[in-house]
Amino acid sequence: QVQVAESGGGLVQAGGSLRLSCVASGRISSINVMAWHRQAPGKRRELVAIISRSGSTKYADAVKGRFTISNDGAMNTAYLQMNSLKPEDTAVYYCGAGPIGLNFWGQGTQVTVSS
């Protein structure tokens, strides 16, 4: 089993930055992919960014050029550096991890961007 825990959310003004962290514990050797999703009030959960063990990344169009996903190489910790934040980035951000799909999820961390 794998446990996932997010941290780093908070309140920030538009144009500001935040860095989210996602720590995985347990059978981390089984993790080959980690990702960040977000869910805004009244909206569906959406993919923000994903990173594989090989280091390949993919981003949602809405965050390209502003957000950067990275990990520690051991798939133990993943980060989401968020710059130039906009009010529409306000959401609960969830970290997922797994061998192929995202089987394990954290409880989420709230990000609020004020205008």
N, C-alpha and C. Protein backbone atom coordinates (compact mmCIF):
# COMPACT_ATOMS: atom_id res chain seq x y z
N GLN A 1 0.83 -1.20 0.00
CA GLN A 1 0.00 0.00 0.00
C GLN A 1 0.86 1.25 0.00
N VAL A 2 0.28 2.31 -0.50
CA VAL A 2 0.97 3.60 -0.57
C VAL A 2 0.08 4.64 0.08
N GLN A 3 0.68 5.47 0.89
CA GLN A 3 -0.03 6.60 1.47
C GLN A 3 0.51 7.89 0.85
N VAL A 4 -0.39 8.83 0.63
CA VAL A 4 -0.02 10.09 -0.02
C VAL A 4 -0.53 11.25 0.82
N ALA A 5 0.31 12.26 1.01
CA ALA A 5 -0.08 13.43 1.79
C ALA A 5 0.42 14.69 1.11
N GLU A 6 -0.51 15.65 0.93
CA GLU A 6 -0.17 16.93 0.31
C GLU A 6 0.03 18.01 1.38
N SER A 7 0.80 19.02 1.02
CA SER A 7 0.96 20.20 1.88
C SER A 7 1.35 21.38 1.02
N GLY A 8 1.26 22.56 1.60
CA GLY A 8 1.73 23.75 0.91
C GLY A 8 0.67 24.69 0.40
N GLY A 9 -0.60 24.30 0.53
CA GLY A 9 -1.64 25.19 0.07
C GLY A 9 -1.78 26.42 0.95
N GLY A 10 -2.62 27.36 0.50
CA GLY A 10 -2.84 28.57 1.29
C GLY A 10 -3.52 29.64 0.47
N LEU A 11 -3.49 30.84 1.02
CA LEU A 11 -4.11 32.00 0.38
C LEU A 11 -3.00 32.87 -0.20
N VAL A 12 -3.16 33.27 -1.45
CA VAL A 12 -2.16 34.08 -2.12
C VAL A 12 -2.86 35.06 -3.03
N GLN A 13 -2.25 36.21 -3.25
CA GLN A 13 -2.82 37.18 -4.18
C GLN A 13 -2.52 36.79 -5.61
N ALA A 14 -3.35 37.24 -6.52
CA ALA A 14 -3.13 36.99 -7.94
C ALA A 14 -1.75 37.49 -8.33
N GLY A 15 -1.06 36.67 -9.14
CA GLY A 15 0.31 36.99 -9.53
C GLY A 15 1.35 36.39 -8.63
N GLY A 16 0.94 35.86 -7.50
CA GLY A 16 1.86 35.27 -6.54
C GLY A 16 2.21 33.83 -6.87
N SER A 17 2.96 33.22 -5.96
CA SER A 17 3.44 31.86 -6.16
C SER A 17 3.20 31.00 -4.92
N LEU A 18 3.07 29.71 -5.15
CA LEU A 18 2.99 28.71 -4.09
C LEU A 18 3.71 27.47 -4.57
N ARG A 19 4.23 26.69 -3.63
CA ARG A 19 4.79 25.39 -3.97
C ARG A 19 4.11 24.33 -3.14
N LEU A 20 3.48 23.39 -3.82
CA LEU A 20 2.83 22.27 -3.17
C LEU A 20 3.79 21.09 -3.11
N SER A 21 3.69 20.33 -2.03
CA SER A 21 4.49 19.12 -1.87
C SER A 21 3.58 17.92 -1.70
N CYS A 22 4.04 16.80 -2.21
CA CYS A 22 3.30 15.54 -2.09
C CYS A 22 4.29 14.47 -1.65
N VAL A 23 4.07 13.92 -0.47
CA VAL A 23 4.97 12.89 0.06
C VAL A 23 4.27 11.55 0.03
N ALA A 24 4.91 10.58 -0.60
CA ALA A 24 4.39 9.22 -0.65
C ALA A 24 5.17 8.35 0.33
N SER A 25 4.48 7.44 0.98
CA SER A 25 5.13 6.52 1.90
C SER A 25 4.54 5.12 1.70
N GLY A 26 5.23 4.13 2.23
CA GLY A 26 4.80 2.75 2.03
C GLY A 26 5.60 2.12 0.90
N ARG A 27 4.94 1.45 -0.01
CA ARG A 27 5.61 0.75 -1.11
C ARG A 27 5.92 1.71 -2.26
N ILE A 28 6.80 2.66 -2.00
CA ILE A 28 7.09 3.67 -3.02
C ILE A 28 7.83 3.08 -4.21
N SER A 29 8.43 1.90 -4.05
CA SER A 29 9.11 1.28 -5.18
C SER A 29 8.12 0.91 -6.28
N SER A 30 6.84 0.83 -5.94
CA SER A 30 5.83 0.48 -6.93
C SER A 30 5.31 1.69 -7.70
N ILE A 31 5.72 2.88 -7.30
CA ILE A 31 5.20 4.10 -7.92
C ILE A 31 6.00 4.44 -9.17
N ASN A 32 5.30 4.60 -10.27
CA ASN A 32 5.94 5.01 -11.52
C ASN A 32 5.39 6.33 -12.06
N VAL A 33 4.29 6.79 -11.47
CA VAL A 33 3.71 8.03 -11.92
C VAL A 33 3.11 8.77 -10.73
N MET A 34 3.28 10.08 -10.71
CA MET A 34 2.67 10.95 -9.71
C MET A 34 2.05 12.13 -10.44
N ALA A 35 0.96 12.63 -9.92
CA ALA A 35 0.25 13.69 -10.62
C ALA A 35 -0.48 14.60 -9.65
N TRP A 36 -0.75 15.78 -10.12
CA TRP A 36 -1.59 16.73 -9.40
C TRP A 36 -2.89 16.94 -10.19
N HIS A 37 -3.99 16.85 -9.49
CA HIS A 37 -5.29 17.20 -10.02
C HIS A 37 -5.84 18.33 -9.16
N ARG A 38 -6.89 18.98 -9.64
CA ARG A 38 -7.55 20.00 -8.83
C ARG A 38 -9.04 19.96 -9.08
N GLN A 39 -9.78 20.41 -8.08
CA GLN A 39 -11.23 20.49 -8.21
C GLN A 39 -11.71 21.80 -7.61
N ALA A 40 -12.29 22.62 -8.44
CA ALA A 40 -12.86 23.89 -8.00
C ALA A 40 -14.33 23.67 -7.63
N PRO A 41 -14.89 24.53 -6.80
CA PRO A 41 -16.30 24.37 -6.40
C PRO A 41 -17.22 24.30 -7.60
N GLY A 42 -18.06 23.28 -7.62
CA GLY A 42 -19.03 23.12 -8.69
C GLY A 42 -18.46 22.61 -10.00
N LYS A 43 -17.17 22.25 -9.99
CA LYS A 43 -16.55 21.77 -11.23
C LYS A 43 -16.01 20.36 -11.04
N ARG A 44 -15.73 19.71 -12.16
CA ARG A 44 -15.18 18.37 -12.11
C ARG A 44 -13.69 18.43 -11.81
N ARG A 45 -13.18 17.33 -11.22
CA ARG A 45 -11.75 17.25 -10.97
C ARG A 45 -11.03 17.17 -12.30
N GLU A 46 -9.90 17.90 -12.42
CA GLU A 46 -9.16 17.93 -13.67
C GLU A 46 -7.67 17.73 -13.42
N LEU A 47 -7.03 17.16 -14.42
CA LEU A 47 -5.59 16.97 -14.35
C LEU A 47 -4.89 18.31 -14.47
N VAL A 48 -3.89 18.52 -13.61
CA VAL A 48 -3.06 19.72 -13.68
C VAL A 48 -1.72 19.38 -14.31
N ALA A 49 -1.03 18.38 -13.76
CA ALA A 49 0.28 17.99 -14.25
C ALA A 49 0.58 16.57 -13.80
N ILE A 50 1.42 15.90 -14.59
CA ILE A 50 1.77 14.52 -14.29
C ILE A 50 3.25 14.31 -14.59
N ILE A 51 3.90 13.47 -13.80
CA ILE A 51 5.31 13.17 -14.00
C ILE A 51 5.53 11.67 -13.81
N SER A 52 6.38 11.11 -14.68
CA SER A 52 6.69 9.69 -14.59
C SER A 52 8.05 9.48 -13.95
N ARG A 53 8.34 8.23 -13.64
CA ARG A 53 9.64 7.91 -13.03
C ARG A 53 10.79 8.30 -13.95
N SER A 54 10.54 8.24 -15.26
CA SER A 54 11.58 8.61 -16.23
C SER A 54 11.80 10.12 -16.30
N GLY A 55 10.88 10.87 -15.70
CA GLY A 55 11.01 12.32 -15.70
C GLY A 55 10.16 13.03 -16.74
N SER A 56 9.45 12.27 -17.55
CA SER A 56 8.59 12.93 -18.55
C SER A 56 7.40 13.59 -17.85
N THR A 57 6.98 14.72 -18.38
CA THR A 57 5.92 15.50 -17.77
C THR A 57 4.85 15.88 -18.80
N LYS A 58 3.68 16.19 -18.28
CA LYS A 58 2.59 16.66 -19.11
C LYS A 58 1.78 17.64 -18.29
N TYR A 59 1.29 18.70 -18.96
CA TYR A 59 0.55 19.75 -18.26
C TYR A 59 -0.78 20.03 -18.94
N ALA A 60 -1.73 20.48 -18.13
CA ALA A 60 -2.97 20.99 -18.69
C ALA A 60 -2.67 22.31 -19.39
N ASP A 61 -3.38 22.59 -20.46
CA ASP A 61 -3.14 23.82 -21.22
C ASP A 61 -3.27 25.05 -20.32
N ALA A 62 -4.18 25.01 -19.36
CA ALA A 62 -4.45 26.18 -18.52
C ALA A 62 -3.27 26.57 -17.63
N VAL A 63 -2.34 25.64 -17.42
CA VAL A 63 -1.23 25.94 -16.50
C VAL A 63 0.13 25.91 -17.18
N LYS A 64 0.18 25.58 -18.45
CA LYS A 64 1.46 25.52 -19.16
C LYS A 64 2.18 26.86 -19.09
N GLY A 65 3.46 26.80 -18.78
CA GLY A 65 4.25 28.01 -18.68
C GLY A 65 4.19 28.68 -17.33
N ARG A 66 3.26 28.26 -16.47
CA ARG A 66 3.13 28.86 -15.14
C ARG A 66 3.44 27.86 -14.03
N PHE A 67 3.08 26.60 -14.23
CA PHE A 67 3.28 25.56 -13.22
C PHE A 67 4.39 24.62 -13.67
N THR A 68 5.12 24.09 -12.70
CA THR A 68 6.16 23.11 -12.97
C THR A 68 6.06 21.97 -11.97
N ILE A 69 5.97 20.75 -12.51
CA ILE A 69 5.95 19.57 -11.66
C ILE A 69 7.35 18.96 -11.63
N SER A 70 7.77 18.49 -10.49
CA SER A 70 9.07 17.85 -10.36
C SER A 70 8.98 16.79 -9.27
N ASN A 71 10.01 15.94 -9.19
CA ASN A 71 10.05 14.98 -8.09
C ASN A 71 11.49 14.81 -7.64
N ASP A 72 11.67 13.98 -6.63
CA ASP A 72 13.00 13.82 -6.03
C ASP A 72 13.78 12.71 -6.69
N GLY A 73 13.25 12.14 -7.76
CA GLY A 73 13.95 11.07 -8.46
C GLY A 73 13.60 9.69 -7.94
N ALA A 74 13.22 9.61 -6.70
CA ALA A 74 12.89 8.32 -6.11
C ALA A 74 11.40 8.09 -6.04
N MET A 75 10.62 9.02 -6.62
CA MET A 75 9.16 8.96 -6.57
C MET A 75 8.68 8.89 -5.12
N ASN A 76 9.39 9.57 -4.25
CA ASN A 76 8.98 9.69 -2.86
C ASN A 76 8.25 11.01 -2.63
N THR A 77 8.72 12.05 -3.30
CA THR A 77 8.13 13.37 -3.14
C THR A 77 7.96 14.02 -4.49
N ALA A 78 6.81 14.60 -4.71
CA ALA A 78 6.54 15.38 -5.92
C ALA A 78 6.19 16.80 -5.51
N TYR A 79 6.58 17.74 -6.36
CA TYR A 79 6.33 19.14 -6.09
C TYR A 79 5.54 19.76 -7.24
N LEU A 80 4.79 20.78 -6.91
CA LEU A 80 4.12 21.58 -7.94
C LEU A 80 4.43 23.04 -7.64
N GLN A 81 5.32 23.62 -8.44
CA GLN A 81 5.64 25.03 -8.32
C GLN A 81 4.63 25.81 -9.15
N MET A 82 3.89 26.68 -8.50
CA MET A 82 2.84 27.43 -9.18
C MET A 82 3.19 28.91 -9.15
N ASN A 83 3.41 29.48 -10.32
CA ASN A 83 3.75 30.90 -10.46
C ASN A 83 2.64 31.62 -11.22
N SER A 84 2.65 32.94 -11.11
CA SER A 84 1.66 33.77 -11.82
C SER A 84 0.25 33.25 -11.57
N LEU A 85 -0.07 33.00 -10.34
CA LEU A 85 -1.36 32.42 -10.00
C LEU A 85 -2.51 33.37 -10.34
N LYS A 86 -3.62 32.76 -10.74
CA LYS A 86 -4.82 33.49 -11.13
C LYS A 86 -5.98 33.07 -10.23
N PRO A 87 -6.99 33.92 -10.09
CA PRO A 87 -8.15 33.52 -9.28
C PRO A 87 -8.77 32.20 -9.75
N GLU A 88 -8.72 31.94 -11.04
CA GLU A 88 -9.29 30.69 -11.55
C GLU A 88 -8.48 29.45 -11.19
N ASP A 89 -7.32 29.64 -10.58
CA ASP A 89 -6.55 28.50 -10.07
C ASP A 89 -7.04 28.05 -8.70
N THR A 90 -7.96 28.80 -8.12
CA THR A 90 -8.51 28.45 -6.82
C THR A 90 -9.20 27.09 -6.88
N ALA A 91 -8.78 26.19 -6.02
CA ALA A 91 -9.30 24.82 -6.03
C ALA A 91 -8.67 24.03 -4.88
N VAL A 92 -9.20 22.85 -4.65
CA VAL A 92 -8.51 21.87 -3.82
C VAL A 92 -7.59 21.07 -4.74
N TYR A 93 -6.33 21.01 -4.38
CA TYR A 93 -5.35 20.30 -5.19
C TYR A 93 -5.05 18.94 -4.55
N TYR A 94 -5.17 17.91 -5.37
CA TYR A 94 -4.96 16.54 -4.93
C TYR A 94 -3.75 15.92 -5.61
N CYS A 95 -2.99 15.15 -4.84
CA CYS A 95 -1.88 14.41 -5.39
C CYS A 95 -2.27 12.94 -5.52
N GLY A 96 -1.93 12.36 -6.66
CA GLY A 96 -2.18 10.95 -6.88
C GLY A 96 -0.89 10.25 -7.24
N ALA A 97 -0.82 8.95 -6.96
CA ALA A 97 0.38 8.17 -7.27
C ALA A 97 -0.03 6.74 -7.57
N GLY A 98 0.83 6.06 -8.34
CA GLY A 98 0.53 4.67 -8.63
C GLY A 98 1.53 4.05 -9.58
N PRO A 99 1.40 2.75 -9.83
CA PRO A 99 2.32 2.05 -10.72
C PRO A 99 2.09 2.39 -12.20
N ILE A 100 0.85 2.46 -12.61
CA ILE A 100 0.49 2.83 -13.98
C ILE A 100 -0.57 3.92 -13.91
N GLY A 101 -1.69 3.61 -13.34
CA GLY A 101 -2.72 4.61 -13.07
C GLY A 101 -2.47 5.24 -11.71
N LEU A 102 -3.36 6.16 -11.34
CA LEU A 102 -3.23 6.86 -10.06
C LEU A 102 -4.14 6.16 -9.05
N ASN A 103 -3.57 5.15 -8.39
CA ASN A 103 -4.36 4.32 -7.51
C ASN A 103 -4.53 4.90 -6.11
N PHE A 104 -3.61 5.77 -5.73
CA PHE A 104 -3.57 6.26 -4.36
C PHE A 104 -3.65 7.79 -4.36
N TRP A 105 -4.47 8.32 -3.46
CA TRP A 105 -4.74 9.76 -3.44
C TRP A 105 -4.60 10.31 -2.02
N GLY A 106 -4.20 11.57 -1.96
CA GLY A 106 -4.17 12.27 -0.69
C GLY A 106 -5.51 12.93 -0.43
N GLN A 107 -5.57 13.65 0.69
CA GLN A 107 -6.82 14.29 1.11
C GLN A 107 -7.01 15.66 0.46
N GLY A 108 -5.97 16.19 -0.15
CA GLY A 108 -6.08 17.47 -0.82
C GLY A 108 -5.60 18.64 0.03
N THR A 109 -5.21 19.70 -0.66
CA THR A 109 -4.80 20.92 0.02
C THR A 109 -5.44 22.11 -0.71
N GLN A 110 -6.00 23.03 0.05
CA GLN A 110 -6.74 24.15 -0.55
C GLN A 110 -5.79 25.24 -1.02
N VAL A 111 -6.00 25.68 -2.24
CA VAL A 111 -5.30 26.84 -2.79
C VAL A 111 -6.34 27.89 -3.13
N THR A 112 -6.18 29.08 -2.56
CA THR A 112 -7.10 30.17 -2.82
C THR A 112 -6.32 31.36 -3.34
N VAL A 113 -6.71 31.86 -4.51
CA VAL A 113 -6.04 33.00 -5.13
C VAL A 113 -7.01 34.17 -5.15
N SER A 114 -6.65 35.23 -4.46
CA SER A 114 -7.52 36.40 -4.39
C SER A 114 -7.17 37.39 -5.50
N SER A 115 -8.19 38.09 -5.96
CA SER A 115 -7.97 39.05 -7.06
C SER A 115 -7.62 40.43 -6.52
